[in-house]
Amino acid sequence: MRRTCVIGAGPSGLAASKVLASRNVPFDCFEAGSGIGGLWRYGNDNGMSGVYASLHANVSKESMSFSSMAMPETYPVFPHHSMVLAYLEDYAASFGLHRHMVFGTRVTSVRPLDDGGWEVVCRRRGGVAEETRRYTEVVVANGHHWDPRLPAPAVPGAEEFGGTAIHSHDYRSPDPYAGRRVLVIGMGNSACEIAAEISRTAARTFLSARDAAPLFPKMLLGRPADHLVVSPLSDLPRFLKDPALRLLLRLTRGAAARYGLPEPVRGPLAGHPSTSDELLVQLARGAVTPKPGVRSFGRDTAVFSDDSREPVDAVVYATGYRISFPFLEPAVFAAPDGRTDLYLRTVPPHVPGLYFMGLAQPAGAAFPLLEPQAEWIAELIEGAVALPSPTDMTRAITREWRRHRTTYVSTYRHGIEIDHRTYRRALRRERRAGRRRARGAVPAQPAVAGPAPAADAL
């Protein structure tokens, strides 16, 4: 009898569960914590949530909603994390997902069996004995914002630094930093928002970034910036879109130099956008001092790549997360250097019955992509669609990565960066082609989820 295992009850696991339940596909969803929500559950007792007390979504409620259920109209444009969790709870309740959940149970091992299917080993919280179950398929939805990544190799002198040093995953409030000299390392959304929040009570706040990156305000021309994804701008060819977006940023935000920031060398579409109105204000006030990359630490100082030196009492590393799967042997699947060799960010070509959810990071919210991805996985489980050959999938992945390298910054953080519209189109094409393969028609060429050659969306 077929039965699917879903690992994780965050947004990706919930979307997978909703689709499987709607199709009457038997499944169990294992969640290490005592409730759904993943990283959106503040203080999640699975130990994997890095949400801090004041965090709000950095994309709008319209862009963040699942395809099948909008966020309430009463929500503010950028909802607080507690509202996002309430929305996820409503989503799970509306589609009757709790009856499929196995809470307080951590998956410790997932192993392919010689005769097909998967052995899944799990342990209940507080228990010693492990339980082994057999499944025909496994859907991995354990997220990619839970395993903190620190600079490797470590910054010289980091072990000699006498102040406090944490990863942003462990940051909860600015209270411990009042009156202190704080260095925040990074230029992503977490770095920008945490630096702005800390600077309101810290004696000094420094924001260090190795590379210049474009900083977007949350609102552009009176609308959430992420609405550009569905604006006429998104249909422009890339060679026109890049300068158009540069001009829009210059008109609405001003030159980066006005905030003490260096002008980015690459275009605004080459990396994942960082958005923070608060940081722009605090930079303009002088409450946050931008600095280049850290070269070394002393006991109470930081030395930067421009040879400047600043006294520092505390460091917050907002340096991102590893993509990791502790329950899988690396020989089965791994993501070295942030690269996931998955067909359409979902299917490992040579590992039948294993699927991945949510390892695609668009410029806006990922929620709207999850249900279409889950629909494709469900069709594969049901046999309604068929995959290309492993060789063809591997070739498609190679082509995608060639395009990816010419489009995005070559950093760990951007290993799963995608274009929202192009990915959705690729999924639709693949589902149509998969139905033809399942009917025994002439195999179609595999779809490619990389950036479109002529036009891609913000």
Protein backbone atom coordinates (compact mmCIF):
# COMPACT_ATOMS: atom_id res chain seq x y z
CA MET A 1 0.00 0.00 0.00
CA ARG A 2 1.36 3.41 -0.99
CA ARG A 3 1.98 5.94 1.77
CA THR A 4 4.00 9.15 1.64
CA CYS A 5 6.13 10.71 4.37
CA VAL A 6 6.27 14.52 4.61
CA ILE A 7 9.07 15.95 6.79
CA GLY A 8 8.28 19.32 8.38
CA ALA A 9 5.08 21.27 9.10
CA GLY A 10 6.29 24.73 8.10
CA PRO A 11 4.85 26.49 5.04
CA SER A 12 6.34 23.96 2.60
CA GLY A 13 5.13 20.94 4.57
CA LEU A 14 1.68 22.48 4.98
CA ALA A 15 1.36 23.12 1.24
CA ALA A 16 2.45 19.55 0.49
CA SER A 17 0.00 18.22 3.08
CA LYS A 18 -2.88 20.32 1.74
CA VAL A 19 -2.40 19.07 -1.81
CA LEU A 20 -1.90 15.42 -0.83
CA ALA A 21 -4.96 15.54 1.44
CA SER A 22 -7.10 17.10 -1.31
CA ARG A 23 -6.13 14.23 -3.64
CA ASN A 24 -6.69 11.53 -0.97
CA VAL A 25 -3.05 10.46 -1.14
CA PRO A 26 -2.27 8.64 2.15
CA PHE A 27 0.53 10.38 4.06
CA ASP A 28 1.99 11.26 7.46
CA CYS A 29 3.60 14.62 8.21
CA PHE A 30 6.29 14.56 10.91
CA GLU A 31 7.08 17.74 12.83
CA ALA A 32 9.76 17.98 15.50
CA GLY A 33 7.93 20.80 17.28
CA SER A 34 4.61 20.73 19.08
CA GLY A 35 2.81 22.88 16.49
CA ILE A 36 2.77 23.89 12.85
CA GLY A 37 4.42 26.99 11.40
CA GLY A 38 8.12 26.19 11.21
CA LEU A 39 10.24 29.34 11.45
CA TRP A 40 7.07 31.46 11.82
CA ARG A 41 6.37 30.01 15.26
CA TYR A 42 8.14 32.35 17.70
CA GLY A 43 10.14 30.33 20.22
CA ASN A 44 9.32 27.12 18.36
CA ASP A 45 10.21 24.21 20.65
CA ASN A 46 11.78 22.38 17.74
CA GLY A 47 14.73 24.77 18.23
CA MET A 48 14.77 25.73 14.55
CA SER A 49 13.01 29.11 14.45
CA GLY A 50 15.07 32.28 14.29
CA VAL A 51 12.10 34.68 14.47
CA TYR A 52 12.76 37.65 16.77
CA ALA A 53 10.15 39.52 18.78
CA SER A 54 9.55 42.51 16.50
CA LEU A 55 9.86 40.75 13.15
CA HIS A 56 7.36 41.60 10.42
CA ALA A 57 7.16 40.01 6.98
CA ASN A 58 9.32 41.84 4.46
CA VAL A 59 6.88 41.11 1.62
CA SER A 60 3.26 42.18 1.44
CA LYS A 61 0.32 40.07 2.55
CA GLU A 62 -0.97 39.84 -1.05
CA SER A 63 2.34 38.47 -2.33
CA MET A 64 2.78 36.18 0.66
CA SER A 65 -0.54 34.34 0.48
CA PHE A 66 -0.88 30.75 -0.66
CA SER A 67 -2.55 30.28 -4.05
CA SER A 68 -5.70 28.81 -2.49
CA MET A 69 -6.18 31.11 0.50
CA ALA A 70 -5.59 34.84 0.83
CA MET A 71 -4.43 36.49 4.02
CA PRO A 72 -7.21 38.41 5.80
CA GLU A 73 -7.96 41.88 4.44
CA THR A 74 -7.75 43.17 8.02
CA TYR A 75 -4.03 42.37 8.12
CA PRO A 76 -1.59 45.26 7.66
CA VAL A 77 0.43 45.35 4.45
CA PHE A 78 3.42 43.76 6.19
CA PRO A 79 2.04 41.47 8.93
CA HIS A 80 3.75 40.70 12.22
CA HIS A 81 5.11 37.18 12.60
CA SER A 82 2.27 36.29 14.99
CA MET A 83 -0.24 37.14 12.25
CA VAL A 84 1.60 34.97 9.74
CA LEU A 85 1.46 32.08 12.21
CA ALA A 86 -2.26 32.67 12.77
CA TYR A 87 -2.75 32.57 9.00
CA LEU A 88 -0.85 29.27 8.78
CA GLU A 89 -2.96 27.87 11.62
CA ASP A 90 -6.13 28.89 9.77
CA TYR A 91 -4.78 27.31 6.59
CA ALA A 92 -4.12 24.01 8.37
CA ALA A 93 -7.53 24.06 10.06
CA SER A 94 -9.42 25.01 6.88
CA PHE A 95 -8.06 21.99 5.01
CA GLY A 96 -8.16 19.56 7.95
CA LEU A 97 -4.41 19.00 8.03
CA HIS A 98 -3.90 18.41 11.76
CA ARG A 99 -5.18 14.84 11.56
CA HIS A 100 -2.22 14.00 9.33
CA MET A 101 0.37 15.58 11.66
CA VAL A 102 2.67 13.67 13.99
CA PHE A 103 3.94 16.37 16.35
CA GLY A 104 6.90 16.23 18.72
CA THR A 105 8.56 13.67 16.47
CA ARG A 106 11.93 14.23 14.84
CA VAL A 107 12.96 12.26 11.75
CA THR A 108 16.49 10.98 12.36
CA SER A 109 17.11 8.87 9.27
CA VAL A 110 15.71 8.47 5.76
CA ARG A 111 17.20 5.61 3.78
CA PRO A 112 16.33 4.15 0.37
CA LEU A 113 15.51 0.44 0.42
CA ASP A 114 16.96 -2.04 -2.05
CA ASP A 115 13.54 -3.29 -3.09
CA GLY A 116 12.09 0.21 -3.49
CA GLY A 117 10.54 2.65 -1.05
CA TRP A 118 12.06 4.31 1.97
CA GLU A 119 12.89 3.46 5.56
CA VAL A 120 12.08 6.41 7.84
CA VAL A 121 13.37 6.38 11.41
CA CYS A 122 11.93 8.86 13.91
CA ARG A 123 12.07 9.57 17.63
CA ARG A 124 9.39 11.15 19.77
CA ARG A 125 10.42 13.97 22.07
CA GLY A 126 11.49 12.68 25.45
CA GLY A 127 11.65 9.14 24.15
CA VAL A 128 14.69 6.93 23.87
CA ALA A 129 13.48 4.27 21.49
CA GLU A 130 13.33 4.97 17.77
CA GLU A 131 10.46 3.94 15.54
CA THR A 132 10.97 2.67 11.99
CA ARG A 133 8.33 3.02 9.30
CA ARG A 134 8.24 2.25 5.60
CA TYR A 135 7.02 4.68 2.95
CA THR A 136 6.78 4.60 -0.81
CA GLU A 137 7.78 8.27 -1.18
CA VAL A 138 9.37 10.97 0.96
CA VAL A 139 8.74 14.71 0.61
CA VAL A 140 11.47 16.75 2.33
CA ALA A 141 10.10 20.08 3.59
CA ASN A 142 12.46 20.87 6.47
CA GLY A 143 13.19 24.45 5.34
CA HIS A 144 16.43 26.28 4.66
CA HIS A 145 16.47 29.01 7.34
CA TRP A 146 17.31 26.99 10.45
CA ASP A 147 20.97 25.83 10.27
CA PRO A 148 23.11 28.93 10.98
CA ARG A 149 26.09 29.50 8.69
CA LEU A 150 29.09 31.38 10.08
CA PRO A 151 32.05 32.66 8.06
CA ALA A 152 34.28 29.77 6.99
CA PRO A 153 37.11 30.05 7.62
CA ALA A 154 36.43 32.13 10.70
CA VAL A 155 37.47 35.78 10.71
CA PRO A 156 41.05 35.96 12.04
CA GLY A 157 41.03 36.77 15.74
CA ALA A 158 37.39 35.74 16.22
CA GLU A 159 38.40 33.31 18.98
CA GLU A 160 40.21 36.12 20.82
CA PHE A 161 37.30 38.54 20.71
CA GLY A 162 36.21 39.22 24.29
CA GLY A 163 32.67 40.48 23.65
CA THR A 164 29.51 38.55 22.91
CA ALA A 165 29.03 37.01 19.48
CA ILE A 166 25.86 35.31 18.20
CA HIS A 167 24.28 34.35 14.91
CA SER A 168 21.15 36.29 13.98
CA HIS A 169 19.24 33.01 14.40
CA ASP A 170 19.63 33.50 18.18
CA TYR A 171 18.73 37.21 18.20
CA ARG A 172 15.42 37.97 19.92
CA SER A 173 15.40 41.64 21.02
CA PRO A 174 17.67 44.71 21.19
CA ASP A 175 17.59 44.82 24.99
CA PRO A 176 20.98 43.12 25.59
CA TYR A 177 22.66 45.66 23.28
CA ALA A 178 21.53 48.90 24.94
CA GLY A 179 24.49 51.22 25.46
CA ARG A 180 26.92 48.86 23.71
CA ARG A 181 29.01 49.12 20.56
CA VAL A 182 27.55 46.56 18.18
CA LEU A 183 28.78 45.18 14.87
CA VAL A 184 26.25 43.49 12.60
CA ILE A 185 27.83 41.48 9.78
CA GLY A 186 25.82 40.95 6.60
CA MET A 187 23.60 42.82 4.17
CA GLY A 188 20.54 40.60 3.89
CA ASN A 189 17.11 41.39 5.28
CA SER A 190 17.95 40.11 8.78
CA ALA A 191 21.17 42.14 8.95
CA CYS A 192 19.43 45.33 7.81
CA GLU A 193 16.45 45.05 10.15
CA ILE A 194 18.46 43.93 13.19
CA ALA A 195 21.03 46.70 12.73
CA ALA A 196 18.26 49.28 12.48
CA GLU A 197 16.52 47.96 15.61
CA ILE A 198 19.68 47.71 17.71
CA SER A 199 20.82 51.20 16.69
CA ARG A 200 17.92 52.83 18.53
CA THR A 201 19.42 52.00 21.93
CA ALA A 202 23.05 51.01 21.23
CA ALA A 203 25.92 53.41 21.79
CA ARG A 204 27.23 52.71 18.28
CA THR A 205 26.04 50.37 15.55
CA PHE A 206 28.17 49.26 12.61
CA LEU A 207 26.88 47.35 9.59
CA SER A 208 29.60 45.45 7.74
CA ALA A 209 29.20 44.01 4.24
CA ARG A 210 31.92 42.58 2.01
CA ASP A 211 30.08 43.55 -1.17
CA ALA A 212 27.82 46.45 -2.03
CA ALA A 213 24.20 45.37 -2.45
CA PRO A 214 21.11 47.31 -3.52
CA LEU A 215 18.84 48.28 -0.64
CA PHE A 216 15.16 48.58 -1.49
CA PRO A 217 12.56 50.53 0.49
CA LYS A 218 9.53 48.40 1.34
CA MET A 219 7.24 50.83 -0.50
CA LEU A 220 7.84 52.16 -4.02
CA LEU A 221 5.50 54.72 -5.60
CA GLY A 222 3.00 54.14 -2.82
CA ARG A 223 2.85 50.36 -3.33
CA PRO A 224 4.72 47.46 -1.73
CA ALA A 225 7.95 46.96 -3.65
CA ASP A 226 7.20 43.27 -4.20
CA HIS A 227 4.16 44.24 -6.30
CA LEU A 228 6.65 45.00 -9.06
CA VAL A 229 6.60 41.25 -9.70
CA VAL A 230 3.20 41.67 -11.37
CA SER A 231 3.70 45.19 -12.70
CA PRO A 232 4.38 46.14 -16.37
CA LEU A 233 8.06 46.47 -15.38
CA SER A 234 8.28 42.69 -14.95
CA ASP A 235 7.51 42.12 -18.64
CA LEU A 236 10.44 44.18 -19.89
CA PRO A 237 13.51 42.42 -21.29
CA ARG A 238 16.27 42.24 -18.71
CA PHE A 239 18.53 44.70 -20.53
CA LEU A 240 15.76 47.31 -20.12
CA LYS A 241 14.48 46.18 -16.74
CA ASP A 242 17.80 46.58 -14.94
CA PRO A 243 18.33 50.29 -15.81
CA ALA A 244 14.60 50.99 -15.30
CA LEU A 245 14.80 49.59 -11.77
CA ARG A 246 18.02 51.50 -11.09
CA LEU A 247 16.26 54.70 -12.12
CA LEU A 248 13.21 53.90 -10.01
CA LEU A 249 15.42 53.32 -6.96
CA ARG A 250 17.30 56.55 -7.60
CA LEU A 251 14.07 58.53 -7.86
CA THR A 252 12.37 57.02 -4.80
CA ARG A 253 15.30 56.31 -2.49
CA GLY A 254 18.09 58.52 -3.79
CA ALA A 255 21.70 57.62 -4.42
CA ALA A 256 23.30 55.00 -2.18
CA ALA A 257 26.06 57.48 -1.34
CA ARG A 258 23.54 59.69 0.46
CA TYR A 259 23.30 56.95 3.09
CA GLY A 260 27.02 56.28 3.21
CA LEU A 261 26.65 53.10 1.16
CA PRO A 262 28.82 52.21 -1.84
CA GLU A 263 27.08 51.96 -5.19
CA PRO A 264 26.55 48.31 -6.18
CA VAL A 265 28.62 47.16 -9.14
CA ARG A 266 26.04 44.66 -10.41
CA GLY A 267 22.44 45.43 -11.23
CA PRO A 268 19.57 45.25 -8.73
CA LEU A 269 18.35 41.94 -10.20
CA ALA A 270 21.67 40.12 -9.72
CA GLY A 271 21.02 39.29 -6.07
CA HIS A 272 18.24 38.64 -3.61
CA PRO A 273 16.81 42.05 -2.67
CA SER A 274 17.24 43.47 0.82
CA THR A 275 14.38 45.73 1.91
CA SER A 276 14.38 48.01 4.94
CA ASP A 277 12.90 51.46 5.34
CA GLU A 278 14.10 51.51 8.95
CA LEU A 279 17.75 51.02 7.99
CA LEU A 280 17.60 53.82 5.44
CA VAL A 281 16.30 56.17 8.13
CA GLN A 282 18.93 55.08 10.68
CA LEU A 283 21.70 55.44 8.11
CA ALA A 284 20.48 58.95 7.30
CA ARG A 285 20.46 59.78 11.02
CA GLY A 286 23.99 58.45 11.49
CA ALA A 287 22.73 55.89 13.99
CA VAL A 288 24.13 53.11 11.80
CA THR A 289 27.62 53.38 10.34
CA PRO A 290 28.24 51.31 7.20
CA LYS A 291 31.58 49.51 7.02
CA PRO A 292 33.26 47.21 4.50
CA GLY A 293 34.10 43.58 5.24
CA VAL A 294 35.77 42.59 8.53
CA ARG A 295 39.45 41.71 8.15
CA SER A 296 40.17 40.67 11.73
CA PHE A 297 39.14 40.97 15.38
CA GLY A 298 41.06 42.05 18.44
CA ARG A 299 39.90 41.57 22.00
CA ASP A 300 37.59 44.59 21.79
CA THR A 301 38.05 45.87 18.26
CA ALA A 302 37.23 45.04 14.66
CA VAL A 303 39.54 45.87 11.76
CA PHE A 304 37.95 46.34 8.34
CA SER A 305 39.18 45.82 4.80
CA ASP A 306 39.75 49.59 4.37
CA ASP A 307 42.20 49.45 7.35
CA SER A 308 39.78 51.33 9.61
CA ARG A 309 39.43 50.10 13.20
CA GLU A 310 36.43 50.42 15.53
CA PRO A 311 35.84 49.48 19.18
CA VAL A 312 33.23 46.70 19.42
CA ASP A 313 31.51 45.05 22.40
CA ALA A 314 29.17 42.67 20.58
CA VAL A 315 28.86 41.00 17.18
CA VAL A 316 25.76 39.68 15.40
CA TYR A 317 26.57 37.42 12.46
CA ALA A 318 23.69 37.78 9.99
CA THR A 319 25.54 35.54 7.57
CA GLY A 320 22.79 33.25 6.39
CA TYR A 321 22.02 29.56 6.68
CA ARG A 322 23.27 26.24 5.40
CA ILE A 323 20.98 24.06 3.36
CA SER A 324 21.19 20.78 5.22
CA PHE A 325 19.37 17.51 5.66
CA PRO A 326 20.65 15.77 8.80
CA PHE A 327 18.45 12.73 8.22
CA LEU A 328 19.91 12.01 4.76
CA GLU A 329 23.29 10.49 4.04
CA PRO A 330 25.31 12.79 1.75
CA ALA A 331 25.55 9.92 -0.74
CA VAL A 332 21.75 10.07 -1.09
CA PHE A 333 21.51 13.86 -1.37
CA ALA A 334 23.38 16.95 -0.19
CA ALA A 335 23.66 20.62 -1.16
CA PRO A 336 27.38 21.48 -1.21
CA ASP A 337 28.07 25.21 -1.51
CA GLY A 338 24.34 25.90 -1.48
CA ARG A 339 23.81 24.22 -4.84
CA THR A 340 20.88 21.83 -5.10
CA ASP A 341 21.12 19.57 -8.13
CA LEU A 342 17.37 19.09 -8.45
CA TYR A 343 15.24 19.01 -11.57
CA LEU A 344 12.94 22.03 -11.31
CA ARG A 345 14.26 22.47 -7.74
CA THR A 346 12.28 19.37 -6.73
CA VAL A 347 13.51 16.03 -8.09
CA PRO A 348 16.98 14.45 -7.67
CA PRO A 349 17.40 12.70 -11.05
CA HIS A 350 18.86 9.44 -9.75
CA VAL A 351 16.87 8.99 -6.51
CA PRO A 352 13.33 7.76 -7.30
CA GLY A 353 10.59 8.59 -4.80
CA LEU A 354 12.42 11.48 -3.10
CA TYR A 355 11.10 15.03 -3.53
CA PHE A 356 12.06 18.42 -2.09
CA MET A 357 9.77 21.34 -1.29
CA GLY A 358 10.63 25.01 -0.85
CA LEU A 359 14.25 25.00 -2.09
CA ALA A 360 13.51 27.79 -4.54
CA GLN A 361 14.00 31.37 -3.37
CA PRO A 362 12.30 34.08 -5.47
CA ALA A 363 12.81 37.81 -5.05
CA GLY A 364 9.39 38.01 -3.39
CA ALA A 365 7.52 35.52 -1.24
CA ALA A 366 7.87 31.78 -1.79
CA PHE A 367 4.40 30.84 -0.48
CA PRO A 368 2.59 31.21 -3.87
CA LEU A 369 5.03 28.75 -5.49
CA LEU A 370 4.53 25.98 -2.94
CA GLU A 371 1.11 24.68 -3.92
CA PRO A 372 1.95 24.44 -7.66
CA GLN A 373 5.15 22.59 -6.73
CA ALA A 374 3.16 20.26 -4.45
CA GLU A 375 0.59 19.63 -7.19
CA TRP A 376 3.36 18.40 -9.48
CA ILE A 377 4.76 16.15 -6.74
CA ALA A 378 1.28 14.72 -6.09
CA GLU A 379 0.82 14.00 -9.79
CA LEU A 380 4.16 12.19 -9.84
CA ILE A 381 3.11 10.10 -6.83
CA GLU A 382 -0.23 9.26 -8.44
CA GLY A 383 1.40 8.40 -11.76
CA ALA A 384 -0.61 11.03 -13.62
CA VAL A 385 2.64 12.49 -14.96
CA ALA A 386 6.01 10.96 -15.76
CA LEU A 387 9.48 12.43 -15.48
CA PRO A 388 12.07 12.75 -18.23
CA SER A 389 14.91 10.25 -18.11
CA PRO A 390 17.57 10.79 -15.42
CA THR A 391 20.02 11.73 -18.19
CA ASP A 392 17.67 14.37 -19.60
CA MET A 393 16.97 15.78 -16.12
CA THR A 394 20.71 16.02 -15.42
CA ARG A 395 21.26 17.86 -18.70
CA ALA A 396 18.43 20.28 -17.86
CA ILE A 397 19.98 20.97 -14.44
CA THR A 398 23.33 21.69 -16.09
CA ARG A 399 21.72 24.14 -18.52
CA GLU A 400 19.90 25.83 -15.68
CA TRP A 401 23.08 26.30 -13.69
CA ARG A 402 24.85 27.83 -16.70
CA ARG A 403 22.08 30.41 -16.93
CA HIS A 404 22.03 30.90 -13.18
CA ARG A 405 25.74 31.80 -13.10
CA THR A 406 25.27 34.50 -15.73
CA THR A 407 22.27 36.00 -13.93
CA TYR A 408 22.91 35.94 -10.16
CA VAL A 409 25.80 36.67 -7.85
CA SER A 410 27.91 33.55 -7.29
CA THR A 411 27.49 33.23 -3.53
CA TYR A 412 26.13 30.52 -1.23
CA ARG A 413 23.09 32.66 -0.52
CA HIS A 414 22.06 32.76 -4.17
CA GLY A 415 22.40 29.04 -4.86
CA ILE A 416 18.60 28.57 -4.80
CA GLU A 417 17.65 31.98 -6.20
CA ILE A 418 15.04 31.79 -8.95
CA ASP A 419 12.80 34.01 -11.00
CA HIS A 420 9.19 33.71 -9.82
CA ARG A 421 7.43 33.89 -13.19
CA THR A 422 9.93 31.76 -15.07
CA TYR A 423 9.72 29.01 -12.47
CA ARG A 424 5.92 28.90 -12.56
CA ARG A 425 5.97 28.72 -16.35
CA ALA A 426 8.52 25.89 -16.23
CA LEU A 427 6.32 23.95 -13.79
CA ARG A 428 3.29 24.34 -16.05
CA ARG A 429 5.26 23.19 -19.10
CA GLU A 430 6.67 20.20 -17.24
CA ARG A 431 3.26 19.10 -15.96
CA ARG A 432 1.87 19.20 -19.52
CA ALA A 433 4.88 17.31 -20.85
CA GLY A 434 4.65 14.83 -17.98
CA ARG A 435 1.05 14.01 -18.85
CA ARG A 436 2.10 13.27 -22.42
CA ARG A 437 4.88 10.99 -21.20
CA ALA A 438 2.49 9.19 -18.86
CA ARG A 439 0.14 8.54 -21.81
CA GLY A 440 3.05 7.11 -23.78
CA ALA A 441 3.27 9.99 -26.23
CA VAL A 442 6.61 11.05 -27.70
CA PRO A 443 8.75 12.35 -24.80
CA ALA A 444 8.97 16.13 -24.64
CA GLN A 445 12.10 18.05 -23.83
CA PRO A 446 12.58 18.66 -20.10
CA ALA A 447 11.66 22.09 -18.82
CA VAL A 448 14.28 24.52 -17.54
CA ALA A 449 13.56 26.61 -14.43
CA GLY A 450 16.46 29.01 -14.80
CA PRO A 451 16.09 32.67 -15.79
CA ALA A 452 14.52 33.16 -19.19
CA PRO A 453 17.00 34.19 -21.89
CA ALA A 454 15.19 37.38 -22.86
CA ALA A 455 12.88 38.37 -20.01
CA ASP A 456 12.48 37.38 -16.40
CA ALA A 457 10.48 38.80 -13.52
CA LEU A 458 11.79 40.77 -10.58
